[in-house]
Amino acid sequence: MMSKASPTPSIVAPAPDDNPLTVIVMGVSGCGKSTAAVHIAQGIGAHCKDGDELHPQSNIDKMAAGIPLTDTDRQPWLEDVARYAQVQAMKHGVCVIACSALKQQYRQTLNTAGRVVYIFLQGSFELIADRMHQRTGHFMPEALLESQFAALDDPSDEPCVLTVSIDTTPELIASDAIKQLKQHHYLQ
């Protein structure tokens, strides 16, 4: 489980500024990926997409039934997310995608989108469970949160990952993410 302690600094390998950029807002279900992605995209004038919208209906049906997805279920979806991100980044210059990207192997697939940086939304199990309990109309039930934390390969020490604490408002989360993107020369 993640703690509420301040996130450790991420190791970031800046990429050239002249290539299209995909910003993947990642973390377990309920951490605020979709909301943060929208705020980040608005803050930098970028195209935005919730990766969940690219799930095939069969994946949505499984999750809605409380059945965790397998790697086999996720692989075609991750490939679709990477293709979508690559096309939109080329078209718009920057594409912001909300996508759980829980495992390192998933991030390897997403990296096929080109120049990719991850915003890892870090928070405690208790905080995220509380937020999930308060939301309505989402296909991911609270019962799957434990499987999300179990599947998470902490990306904090991976290149091209910026860690942002979710112990604040969506606006401040986005502000922190944008500040880090600029500090590490992903954005001007």
N, C-alpha and C. Protein backbone atom coordinates (compact mmCIF):
# COMPACT_ATOMS: atom_id res chain seq x y z
N MET A 1 0.83 -1.19 0.00
CA MET A 1 0.00 0.00 0.00
C MET A 1 0.87 1.24 0.00
N MET A 2 0.33 2.29 -0.58
CA MET A 2 1.06 3.56 -0.62
C MET A 2 0.76 4.34 0.64
N SER A 3 1.72 5.11 1.05
CA SER A 3 1.52 5.93 2.24
C SER A 3 1.20 7.35 1.84
N LYS A 4 0.81 8.14 2.81
CA LYS A 4 0.51 9.55 2.55
C LYS A 4 1.78 10.39 2.59
N ALA A 5 2.92 9.78 2.82
CA ALA A 5 4.16 10.53 2.88
C ALA A 5 4.43 11.21 1.55
N SER A 6 5.23 12.25 1.57
CA SER A 6 5.57 12.96 0.35
C SER A 6 6.24 12.00 -0.60
N PRO A 7 5.88 12.10 -1.90
CA PRO A 7 6.49 11.20 -2.86
C PRO A 7 7.98 11.50 -2.99
N THR A 8 8.74 10.45 -3.25
CA THR A 8 10.16 10.63 -3.47
C THR A 8 10.37 11.24 -4.85
N PRO A 9 11.44 12.01 -5.04
CA PRO A 9 11.68 12.60 -6.35
C PRO A 9 11.80 11.51 -7.41
N SER A 10 11.23 11.77 -8.57
CA SER A 10 11.30 10.83 -9.68
C SER A 10 12.56 11.06 -10.49
N ILE A 11 13.04 9.98 -11.07
CA ILE A 11 14.14 10.08 -12.01
C ILE A 11 13.52 10.31 -13.38
N VAL A 12 13.88 11.40 -14.01
CA VAL A 12 13.27 11.75 -15.27
C VAL A 12 14.36 11.91 -16.33
N ALA A 13 14.17 11.27 -17.46
CA ALA A 13 15.08 11.42 -18.59
C ALA A 13 14.39 12.31 -19.61
N PRO A 14 14.71 13.60 -19.64
CA PRO A 14 14.04 14.49 -20.58
C PRO A 14 14.26 14.05 -22.03
N ALA A 15 13.22 14.20 -22.82
CA ALA A 15 13.28 13.87 -24.25
C ALA A 15 13.37 15.16 -25.05
N PRO A 16 13.74 15.06 -26.33
CA PRO A 16 13.82 16.28 -27.16
C PRO A 16 12.47 17.01 -27.20
N ASP A 17 12.54 18.34 -27.20
CA ASP A 17 11.33 19.16 -27.15
C ASP A 17 10.57 19.23 -28.47
N ASP A 18 11.18 18.84 -29.59
CA ASP A 18 10.55 19.07 -30.88
C ASP A 18 9.63 17.94 -31.33
N ASN A 19 9.52 16.86 -30.59
CA ASN A 19 8.65 15.75 -30.97
C ASN A 19 7.30 15.86 -30.28
N PRO A 20 6.24 15.32 -30.91
CA PRO A 20 4.94 15.29 -30.23
C PRO A 20 5.06 14.57 -28.89
N LEU A 21 4.24 14.98 -27.94
CA LEU A 21 4.33 14.46 -26.58
C LEU A 21 3.01 13.83 -26.15
N THR A 22 3.11 12.65 -25.54
CA THR A 22 1.97 12.02 -24.89
C THR A 22 2.20 12.06 -23.39
N VAL A 23 1.26 12.64 -22.65
CA VAL A 23 1.31 12.68 -21.20
C VAL A 23 0.27 11.68 -20.71
N ILE A 24 0.74 10.64 -20.03
CA ILE A 24 -0.18 9.62 -19.51
C ILE A 24 -0.33 9.85 -18.02
N VAL A 25 -1.55 10.16 -17.60
CA VAL A 25 -1.86 10.35 -16.19
C VAL A 25 -2.27 8.97 -15.68
N MET A 26 -1.44 8.42 -14.79
CA MET A 26 -1.60 7.02 -14.40
C MET A 26 -1.77 6.84 -12.89
N GLY A 27 -2.27 5.67 -12.54
CA GLY A 27 -2.45 5.28 -11.15
C GLY A 27 -3.62 4.33 -11.03
N VAL A 28 -3.87 3.88 -9.82
CA VAL A 28 -4.95 2.93 -9.58
C VAL A 28 -6.32 3.59 -9.79
N SER A 29 -7.32 2.77 -9.98
CA SER A 29 -8.68 3.28 -10.13
C SER A 29 -9.06 4.10 -8.91
N GLY A 30 -9.70 5.23 -9.14
CA GLY A 30 -10.15 6.08 -8.05
C GLY A 30 -9.16 7.14 -7.61
N CYS A 31 -7.95 7.16 -8.20
CA CYS A 31 -6.94 8.14 -7.77
C CYS A 31 -7.18 9.52 -8.39
N GLY A 32 -8.08 9.62 -9.37
CA GLY A 32 -8.39 10.91 -9.96
C GLY A 32 -7.75 11.14 -11.32
N LYS A 33 -7.40 10.07 -12.02
CA LYS A 33 -6.73 10.18 -13.32
C LYS A 33 -7.54 11.01 -14.31
N SER A 34 -8.80 10.70 -14.47
CA SER A 34 -9.63 11.37 -15.48
C SER A 34 -9.75 12.85 -15.19
N THR A 35 -10.02 13.19 -13.95
CA THR A 35 -10.17 14.60 -13.57
C THR A 35 -8.85 15.34 -13.72
N ALA A 36 -7.76 14.74 -13.25
CA ALA A 36 -6.45 15.38 -13.36
C ALA A 36 -6.07 15.57 -14.82
N ALA A 37 -6.34 14.57 -15.64
CA ALA A 37 -6.00 14.66 -17.07
C ALA A 37 -6.71 15.84 -17.72
N VAL A 38 -7.99 16.01 -17.42
CA VAL A 38 -8.76 17.13 -17.98
C VAL A 38 -8.15 18.45 -17.54
N HIS A 39 -7.84 18.59 -16.26
CA HIS A 39 -7.26 19.84 -15.75
C HIS A 39 -5.88 20.10 -16.35
N ILE A 40 -5.07 19.06 -16.49
CA ILE A 40 -3.74 19.23 -17.08
C ILE A 40 -3.89 19.66 -18.54
N ALA A 41 -4.74 18.97 -19.27
CA ALA A 41 -4.94 19.30 -20.69
C ALA A 41 -5.44 20.74 -20.85
N GLN A 42 -6.38 21.14 -20.02
CA GLN A 42 -6.88 22.52 -20.08
C GLN A 42 -5.77 23.51 -19.75
N GLY A 43 -4.92 23.17 -18.79
CA GLY A 43 -3.86 24.06 -18.36
C GLY A 43 -2.76 24.25 -19.40
N ILE A 44 -2.60 23.28 -20.30
CA ILE A 44 -1.55 23.39 -21.32
C ILE A 44 -2.11 23.47 -22.74
N GLY A 45 -3.44 23.50 -22.85
CA GLY A 45 -4.06 23.60 -24.18
C GLY A 45 -3.86 22.36 -25.03
N ALA A 46 -3.98 21.18 -24.43
CA ALA A 46 -3.73 19.92 -25.12
C ALA A 46 -5.01 19.13 -25.36
N HIS A 47 -4.94 18.19 -26.28
CA HIS A 47 -6.01 17.22 -26.50
C HIS A 47 -6.04 16.26 -25.32
N CYS A 48 -7.22 15.82 -24.93
CA CYS A 48 -7.37 14.94 -23.76
C CYS A 48 -8.32 13.80 -24.07
N LYS A 49 -8.00 12.61 -23.53
CA LYS A 49 -8.87 11.45 -23.69
C LYS A 49 -8.76 10.58 -22.44
N ASP A 50 -9.88 10.07 -22.00
CA ASP A 50 -9.89 9.08 -20.93
C ASP A 50 -9.68 7.72 -21.58
N GLY A 51 -8.59 7.06 -21.25
CA GLY A 51 -8.28 5.76 -21.84
C GLY A 51 -9.38 4.74 -21.62
N ASP A 52 -10.15 4.88 -20.54
CA ASP A 52 -11.27 3.95 -20.30
C ASP A 52 -12.27 3.97 -21.44
N GLU A 53 -12.37 5.10 -22.15
CA GLU A 53 -13.31 5.18 -23.27
C GLU A 53 -12.88 4.30 -24.43
N LEU A 54 -11.65 3.82 -24.41
CA LEU A 54 -11.14 2.98 -25.49
C LEU A 54 -11.23 1.48 -25.16
N HIS A 55 -11.69 1.16 -23.95
CA HIS A 55 -11.88 -0.25 -23.58
C HIS A 55 -12.94 -0.88 -24.46
N PRO A 56 -12.72 -2.13 -24.90
CA PRO A 56 -13.81 -2.84 -25.58
C PRO A 56 -14.92 -3.15 -24.58
N GLN A 57 -16.12 -3.32 -25.06
CA GLN A 57 -17.26 -3.58 -24.19
C GLN A 57 -17.04 -4.81 -23.31
N SER A 58 -16.34 -5.82 -23.83
CA SER A 58 -16.09 -7.04 -23.04
C SER A 58 -15.29 -6.72 -21.78
N ASN A 59 -14.33 -5.80 -21.86
CA ASN A 59 -13.56 -5.40 -20.67
C ASN A 59 -14.44 -4.65 -19.68
N ILE A 60 -15.25 -3.74 -20.19
CA ILE A 60 -16.15 -2.96 -19.33
C ILE A 60 -17.12 -3.90 -18.60
N ASP A 61 -17.65 -4.87 -19.33
CA ASP A 61 -18.59 -5.82 -18.72
C ASP A 61 -17.92 -6.62 -17.61
N LYS A 62 -16.68 -7.06 -17.83
CA LYS A 62 -15.96 -7.82 -16.80
C LYS A 62 -15.76 -6.98 -15.55
N MET A 63 -15.26 -5.74 -15.75
CA MET A 63 -14.99 -4.88 -14.58
C MET A 63 -16.28 -4.55 -13.85
N ALA A 64 -17.35 -4.27 -14.58
CA ALA A 64 -18.63 -3.94 -13.96
C ALA A 64 -19.15 -5.12 -13.13
N ALA A 65 -18.78 -6.34 -13.54
CA ALA A 65 -19.20 -7.54 -12.81
C ALA A 65 -18.25 -7.85 -11.64
N GLY A 66 -17.23 -6.99 -11.43
CA GLY A 66 -16.30 -7.19 -10.33
C GLY A 66 -15.20 -8.18 -10.65
N ILE A 67 -14.98 -8.46 -11.93
CA ILE A 67 -13.95 -9.41 -12.35
C ILE A 67 -12.74 -8.63 -12.83
N PRO A 68 -11.58 -8.80 -12.17
CA PRO A 68 -10.38 -8.08 -12.63
C PRO A 68 -9.99 -8.51 -14.04
N LEU A 69 -9.49 -7.56 -14.81
CA LEU A 69 -9.01 -7.87 -16.15
C LEU A 69 -7.68 -8.62 -16.05
N THR A 70 -7.46 -9.50 -17.01
CA THR A 70 -6.18 -10.20 -17.11
C THR A 70 -5.27 -9.40 -18.05
N ASP A 71 -4.00 -9.77 -18.06
CA ASP A 71 -3.08 -9.13 -18.99
C ASP A 71 -3.53 -9.36 -20.43
N THR A 72 -4.10 -10.53 -20.70
CA THR A 72 -4.60 -10.83 -22.04
C THR A 72 -5.76 -9.91 -22.41
N ASP A 73 -6.63 -9.59 -21.44
CA ASP A 73 -7.73 -8.64 -21.67
C ASP A 73 -7.18 -7.25 -21.96
N ARG A 74 -6.15 -6.87 -21.24
CA ARG A 74 -5.64 -5.49 -21.32
C ARG A 74 -4.80 -5.22 -22.55
N GLN A 75 -4.07 -6.21 -23.06
CA GLN A 75 -3.08 -5.95 -24.11
C GLN A 75 -3.67 -5.26 -25.34
N PRO A 76 -4.76 -5.74 -25.94
CA PRO A 76 -5.30 -5.05 -27.12
C PRO A 76 -5.76 -3.62 -26.79
N TRP A 77 -6.29 -3.44 -25.58
CA TRP A 77 -6.71 -2.11 -25.16
C TRP A 77 -5.50 -1.18 -25.05
N LEU A 78 -4.42 -1.65 -24.43
CA LEU A 78 -3.21 -0.83 -24.30
C LEU A 78 -2.65 -0.46 -25.66
N GLU A 79 -2.68 -1.38 -26.59
CA GLU A 79 -2.22 -1.10 -27.96
C GLU A 79 -3.09 -0.03 -28.60
N ASP A 80 -4.41 -0.10 -28.36
CA ASP A 80 -5.33 0.92 -28.89
C ASP A 80 -5.05 2.29 -28.27
N VAL A 81 -4.78 2.31 -26.96
CA VAL A 81 -4.47 3.57 -26.28
C VAL A 81 -3.19 4.16 -26.86
N ALA A 82 -2.17 3.34 -27.07
CA ALA A 82 -0.90 3.83 -27.62
C ALA A 82 -1.09 4.39 -29.03
N ARG A 83 -1.85 3.67 -29.86
CA ARG A 83 -2.10 4.15 -31.23
C ARG A 83 -2.87 5.47 -31.21
N TYR A 84 -3.90 5.53 -30.38
CA TYR A 84 -4.70 6.75 -30.27
C TYR A 84 -3.81 7.92 -29.82
N ALA A 85 -3.00 7.69 -28.80
CA ALA A 85 -2.13 8.75 -28.27
C ALA A 85 -1.15 9.23 -29.33
N GLN A 86 -0.57 8.31 -30.06
CA GLN A 86 0.41 8.68 -31.09
C GLN A 86 -0.23 9.55 -32.17
N VAL A 87 -1.40 9.15 -32.64
CA VAL A 87 -2.10 9.92 -33.68
C VAL A 87 -2.47 11.30 -33.17
N GLN A 88 -3.03 11.37 -31.96
CA GLN A 88 -3.48 12.66 -31.43
C GLN A 88 -2.31 13.57 -31.06
N ALA A 89 -1.21 13.00 -30.56
CA ALA A 89 -0.03 13.81 -30.26
C ALA A 89 0.54 14.40 -31.55
N MET A 90 0.57 13.61 -32.60
CA MET A 90 1.07 14.12 -33.88
C MET A 90 0.15 15.22 -34.42
N LYS A 91 -1.12 15.04 -34.23
CA LYS A 91 -2.10 16.01 -34.73
C LYS A 91 -2.11 17.30 -33.92
N HIS A 92 -2.01 17.19 -32.59
CA HIS A 92 -2.17 18.34 -31.69
C HIS A 92 -0.86 18.82 -31.03
N GLY A 93 0.20 18.05 -31.16
CA GLY A 93 1.47 18.40 -30.49
C GLY A 93 1.60 17.76 -29.13
N VAL A 94 0.51 17.79 -28.35
CA VAL A 94 0.48 17.15 -27.03
C VAL A 94 -0.87 16.46 -26.86
N CYS A 95 -0.84 15.24 -26.36
CA CYS A 95 -2.05 14.49 -26.04
C CYS A 95 -1.95 14.03 -24.60
N VAL A 96 -2.98 14.30 -23.82
CA VAL A 96 -3.03 13.86 -22.42
C VAL A 96 -4.03 12.72 -22.34
N ILE A 97 -3.59 11.59 -21.79
CA ILE A 97 -4.42 10.39 -21.69
C ILE A 97 -4.48 9.94 -20.24
N ALA A 98 -5.68 9.67 -19.74
CA ALA A 98 -5.84 9.04 -18.43
C ALA A 98 -5.84 7.53 -18.66
N CYS A 99 -4.88 6.84 -18.04
CA CYS A 99 -4.75 5.39 -18.24
C CYS A 99 -4.06 4.80 -17.02
N SER A 100 -4.59 3.74 -16.46
CA SER A 100 -4.03 3.18 -15.22
C SER A 100 -2.56 2.81 -15.37
N ALA A 101 -2.15 2.18 -16.46
CA ALA A 101 -0.74 1.84 -16.72
C ALA A 101 -0.07 1.22 -15.50
N LEU A 102 -0.75 0.27 -14.86
CA LEU A 102 -0.30 -0.25 -13.57
C LEU A 102 1.01 -1.01 -13.59
N LYS A 103 1.23 -1.79 -14.63
CA LYS A 103 2.43 -2.63 -14.67
C LYS A 103 3.46 -2.05 -15.63
N GLN A 104 4.71 -2.37 -15.33
CA GLN A 104 5.80 -1.90 -16.17
C GLN A 104 5.64 -2.41 -17.60
N GLN A 105 5.17 -3.64 -17.77
CA GLN A 105 4.96 -4.18 -19.11
C GLN A 105 3.87 -3.40 -19.85
N TYR A 106 2.88 -2.89 -19.13
CA TYR A 106 1.84 -2.07 -19.78
C TYR A 106 2.46 -0.75 -20.27
N ARG A 107 3.33 -0.19 -19.43
CA ARG A 107 3.98 1.06 -19.81
C ARG A 107 4.88 0.86 -21.03
N GLN A 108 5.50 -0.32 -21.13
CA GLN A 108 6.30 -0.61 -22.32
C GLN A 108 5.44 -0.57 -23.58
N THR A 109 4.24 -1.11 -23.51
CA THR A 109 3.32 -1.06 -24.66
C THR A 109 2.93 0.38 -24.94
N LEU A 110 2.60 1.13 -23.90
CA LEU A 110 2.20 2.53 -24.09
C LEU A 110 3.34 3.38 -24.64
N ASN A 111 4.57 3.01 -24.34
CA ASN A 111 5.72 3.75 -24.84
C ASN A 111 5.85 3.69 -26.36
N THR A 112 5.15 2.76 -27.00
CA THR A 112 5.18 2.70 -28.47
C THR A 112 4.48 3.90 -29.09
N ALA A 113 3.83 4.71 -28.29
CA ALA A 113 3.17 5.93 -28.78
C ALA A 113 4.17 6.98 -29.21
N GLY A 114 5.44 6.83 -28.85
CA GLY A 114 6.46 7.82 -29.21
C GLY A 114 7.09 8.42 -27.97
N ARG A 115 7.09 9.73 -27.91
CA ARG A 115 7.65 10.46 -26.75
C ARG A 115 6.58 10.50 -25.66
N VAL A 116 6.81 9.75 -24.58
CA VAL A 116 5.80 9.56 -23.54
C VAL A 116 6.39 9.94 -22.18
N VAL A 117 5.60 10.67 -21.40
CA VAL A 117 5.93 10.93 -20.01
C VAL A 117 4.70 10.56 -19.17
N TYR A 118 4.96 10.03 -17.99
CA TYR A 118 3.88 9.59 -17.09
C TYR A 118 3.78 10.53 -15.90
N ILE A 119 2.55 10.85 -15.54
CA ILE A 119 2.25 11.55 -14.30
C ILE A 119 1.63 10.49 -13.39
N PHE A 120 2.39 10.03 -12.40
CA PHE A 120 1.94 8.99 -11.48
C PHE A 120 1.23 9.65 -10.31
N LEU A 121 -0.08 9.43 -10.21
CA LEU A 121 -0.87 9.98 -9.12
C LEU A 121 -0.78 9.04 -7.93
N GLN A 122 -0.09 9.48 -6.90
CA GLN A 122 0.22 8.64 -5.75
C GLN A 122 -0.65 9.03 -4.56
N GLY A 123 -1.27 8.03 -3.95
CA GLY A 123 -2.09 8.25 -2.76
C GLY A 123 -2.28 6.97 -1.99
N SER A 124 -2.74 7.08 -0.78
CA SER A 124 -2.92 5.91 0.08
C SER A 124 -4.16 5.12 -0.33
N PHE A 125 -4.15 3.85 0.03
CA PHE A 125 -5.31 2.97 -0.21
C PHE A 125 -6.55 3.58 0.45
N GLU A 126 -6.40 4.05 1.68
CA GLU A 126 -7.54 4.58 2.42
C GLU A 126 -8.15 5.81 1.75
N LEU A 127 -7.30 6.72 1.30
CA LEU A 127 -7.79 7.93 0.64
C LEU A 127 -8.53 7.57 -0.65
N ILE A 128 -7.94 6.68 -1.44
CA ILE A 128 -8.55 6.32 -2.72
C ILE A 128 -9.84 5.54 -2.50
N ALA A 129 -9.86 4.64 -1.52
CA ALA A 129 -11.09 3.89 -1.21
C ALA A 129 -12.21 4.85 -0.81
N ASP A 130 -11.87 5.86 -0.02
CA ASP A 130 -12.86 6.85 0.39
C ASP A 130 -13.41 7.61 -0.82
N ARG A 131 -12.52 8.00 -1.73
CA ARG A 131 -12.96 8.71 -2.94
C ARG A 131 -13.83 7.82 -3.82
N MET A 132 -13.46 6.54 -3.94
CA MET A 132 -14.26 5.62 -4.76
C MET A 132 -15.65 5.45 -4.16
N HIS A 133 -15.71 5.42 -2.84
CA HIS A 133 -17.00 5.25 -2.16
C HIS A 133 -17.94 6.43 -2.46
N GLN A 134 -17.37 7.61 -2.68
CA GLN A 134 -18.17 8.81 -2.91
C GLN A 134 -18.61 8.99 -4.35
N ARG A 135 -17.95 8.32 -5.31
CA ARG A 135 -18.30 8.56 -6.71
C ARG A 135 -19.43 7.63 -7.16
N THR A 136 -20.15 8.09 -8.17
CA THR A 136 -21.26 7.31 -8.71
C THR A 136 -21.12 7.21 -10.22
N GLY A 137 -21.73 6.17 -10.79
CA GLY A 137 -21.80 6.05 -12.24
C GLY A 137 -20.54 5.54 -12.92
N HIS A 138 -19.60 4.99 -12.17
CA HIS A 138 -18.38 4.46 -12.79
C HIS A 138 -18.45 2.95 -12.80
N PHE A 139 -17.94 2.33 -13.88
CA PHE A 139 -18.05 0.88 -14.01
C PHE A 139 -17.09 0.10 -13.11
N MET A 140 -16.08 0.74 -12.54
CA MET A 140 -15.11 0.03 -11.71
C MET A 140 -15.58 0.03 -10.26
N PRO A 141 -15.96 -1.14 -9.73
CA PRO A 141 -16.43 -1.17 -8.34
C PRO A 141 -15.27 -1.07 -7.34
N GLU A 142 -15.61 -0.60 -6.14
CA GLU A 142 -14.61 -0.46 -5.07
C GLU A 142 -13.92 -1.78 -4.77
N ALA A 143 -14.63 -2.88 -4.93
CA ALA A 143 -14.08 -4.19 -4.59
C ALA A 143 -12.81 -4.52 -5.37
N LEU A 144 -12.62 -3.90 -6.52
CA LEU A 144 -11.43 -4.19 -7.33
C LEU A 144 -10.22 -3.34 -6.96
N LEU A 145 -10.38 -2.44 -5.99
CA LEU A 145 -9.26 -1.57 -5.63
C LEU A 145 -8.07 -2.37 -5.11
N GLU A 146 -8.33 -3.40 -4.29
CA GLU A 146 -7.22 -4.21 -3.78
C GLU A 146 -6.44 -4.84 -4.92
N SER A 147 -7.14 -5.31 -5.96
CA SER A 147 -6.44 -5.92 -7.09
C SER A 147 -5.63 -4.88 -7.85
N GLN A 148 -6.10 -3.65 -7.87
CA GLN A 148 -5.37 -2.57 -8.53
C GLN A 148 -4.05 -2.30 -7.80
N PHE A 149 -4.09 -2.19 -6.48
CA PHE A 149 -2.87 -1.97 -5.70
C PHE A 149 -1.93 -3.17 -5.81
N ALA A 150 -2.49 -4.38 -5.84
CA ALA A 150 -1.65 -5.59 -5.97
C ALA A 150 -0.95 -5.62 -7.32
N ALA A 151 -1.61 -5.14 -8.36
CA ALA A 151 -1.03 -5.16 -9.71
C ALA A 151 -0.04 -4.03 -9.96
N LEU A 152 -0.10 -2.97 -9.16
CA LEU A 152 0.73 -1.80 -9.40
C LEU A 152 2.22 -2.08 -9.21
N ASP A 153 2.99 -1.91 -10.29
CA ASP A 153 4.44 -1.89 -10.22
C ASP A 153 4.80 -0.42 -10.04
N ASP A 154 5.24 -0.04 -8.84
CA ASP A 154 5.53 1.36 -8.55
C ASP A 154 6.51 1.91 -9.59
N PRO A 155 6.09 2.94 -10.33
CA PRO A 155 6.93 3.46 -11.41
C PRO A 155 7.88 4.58 -10.99
N SER A 156 7.90 4.92 -9.72
CA SER A 156 8.61 6.12 -9.27
C SER A 156 10.07 6.19 -9.70
N ASP A 157 10.73 5.05 -9.83
CA ASP A 157 12.14 5.05 -10.20
C ASP A 157 12.38 4.83 -11.70
N GLU A 158 11.31 4.78 -12.48
CA GLU A 158 11.46 4.60 -13.91
C GLU A 158 11.72 5.94 -14.59
N PRO A 159 12.46 5.90 -15.71
CA PRO A 159 12.65 7.14 -16.47
C PRO A 159 11.31 7.65 -16.98
N CYS A 160 11.21 8.92 -17.16
CA CYS A 160 10.03 9.57 -17.75
C CYS A 160 8.78 9.42 -16.89
N VAL A 161 8.96 9.35 -15.57
CA VAL A 161 7.83 9.29 -14.64
C VAL A 161 7.96 10.43 -13.64
N LEU A 162 6.90 11.21 -13.51
CA LEU A 162 6.83 12.29 -12.53
C LEU A 162 5.76 11.90 -11.51
N THR A 163 6.09 11.96 -10.24
CA THR A 163 5.16 11.55 -9.19
C THR A 163 4.49 12.77 -8.58
N VAL A 164 3.15 12.70 -8.49
CA VAL A 164 2.36 13.79 -7.95
C VAL A 164 1.45 13.22 -6.86
N SER A 165 1.49 13.83 -5.69
CA SER A 165 0.62 13.42 -4.59
C SER A 165 -0.81 13.85 -4.87
N ILE A 166 -1.77 12.99 -4.50
CA ILE A 166 -3.19 13.33 -4.69
C ILE A 166 -3.84 13.83 -3.40
N ASP A 167 -3.05 14.18 -2.42
CA ASP A 167 -3.58 14.64 -1.14
C ASP A 167 -4.03 16.11 -1.17
N THR A 168 -4.55 16.55 -2.32
CA THR A 168 -4.98 17.93 -2.47
C THR A 168 -6.11 17.99 -3.50
N THR A 169 -6.42 19.18 -3.97
CA THR A 169 -7.51 19.36 -4.93
C THR A 169 -7.07 18.99 -6.35
N PRO A 170 -8.03 18.67 -7.23
CA PRO A 170 -7.68 18.38 -8.63
C PRO A 170 -6.92 19.52 -9.30
N GLU A 171 -7.29 20.75 -8.99
CA GLU A 171 -6.61 21.90 -9.59
C GLU A 171 -5.15 21.97 -9.17
N LEU A 172 -4.88 21.71 -7.88
CA LEU A 172 -3.50 21.75 -7.40
C LEU A 172 -2.70 20.54 -7.89
N ILE A 173 -3.35 19.40 -8.03
CA ILE A 173 -2.69 18.22 -8.60
C ILE A 173 -2.23 18.55 -10.03
N ALA A 174 -3.13 19.13 -10.82
CA ALA A 174 -2.79 19.50 -12.20
C ALA A 174 -1.70 20.55 -12.23
N SER A 175 -1.78 21.52 -11.35
CA SER A 175 -0.77 22.57 -11.28
C SER A 175 0.61 21.99 -10.97
N ASP A 176 0.67 21.06 -10.02
CA ASP A 176 1.93 20.40 -9.67
C ASP A 176 2.45 19.61 -10.87
N ALA A 177 1.57 18.89 -11.54
CA ALA A 177 1.98 18.10 -12.71
C ALA A 177 2.55 18.99 -13.80
N ILE A 178 1.87 20.09 -14.10
CA ILE A 178 2.33 21.01 -15.14
C ILE A 178 3.67 21.63 -14.76
N LYS A 179 3.81 21.99 -13.50
CA LYS A 179 5.08 22.55 -13.01
C LYS A 179 6.22 21.55 -13.22
N GLN A 180 5.98 20.30 -12.88
CA GLN A 180 7.01 19.27 -13.06
C GLN A 180 7.31 19.02 -14.54
N LEU A 181 6.27 19.03 -15.39
CA LEU A 181 6.48 18.86 -16.83
C LEU A 181 7.39 19.96 -17.38
N LYS A 182 7.21 21.16 -16.89
CA LYS A 182 8.04 22.28 -17.33
C LYS A 182 9.45 22.18 -16.75
N GLN A 183 9.56 21.84 -15.47
CA GLN A 183 10.87 21.72 -14.82
C GLN A 183 11.75 20.68 -15.51
N HIS A 184 11.12 19.63 -16.01
CA HIS A 184 11.87 18.54 -16.64
C HIS A 184 11.90 18.67 -18.17
N HIS A 185 11.51 19.86 -18.65
CA HIS A 185 11.64 20.23 -20.07
C HIS A 185 10.78 19.42 -21.02
N TYR A 186 9.65 18.90 -20.52
CA TYR A 186 8.68 18.27 -21.42
C TYR A 186 7.80 19.33 -22.06
N LEU A 187 7.60 20.41 -21.34
CA LEU A 187 6.82 21.55 -21.82
C LEU A 187 7.64 22.81 -21.63
N GLN A 188 7.35 23.80 -22.44
CA GLN A 188 8.04 25.09 -22.29
C GLN A 188 7.25 25.99 -21.36
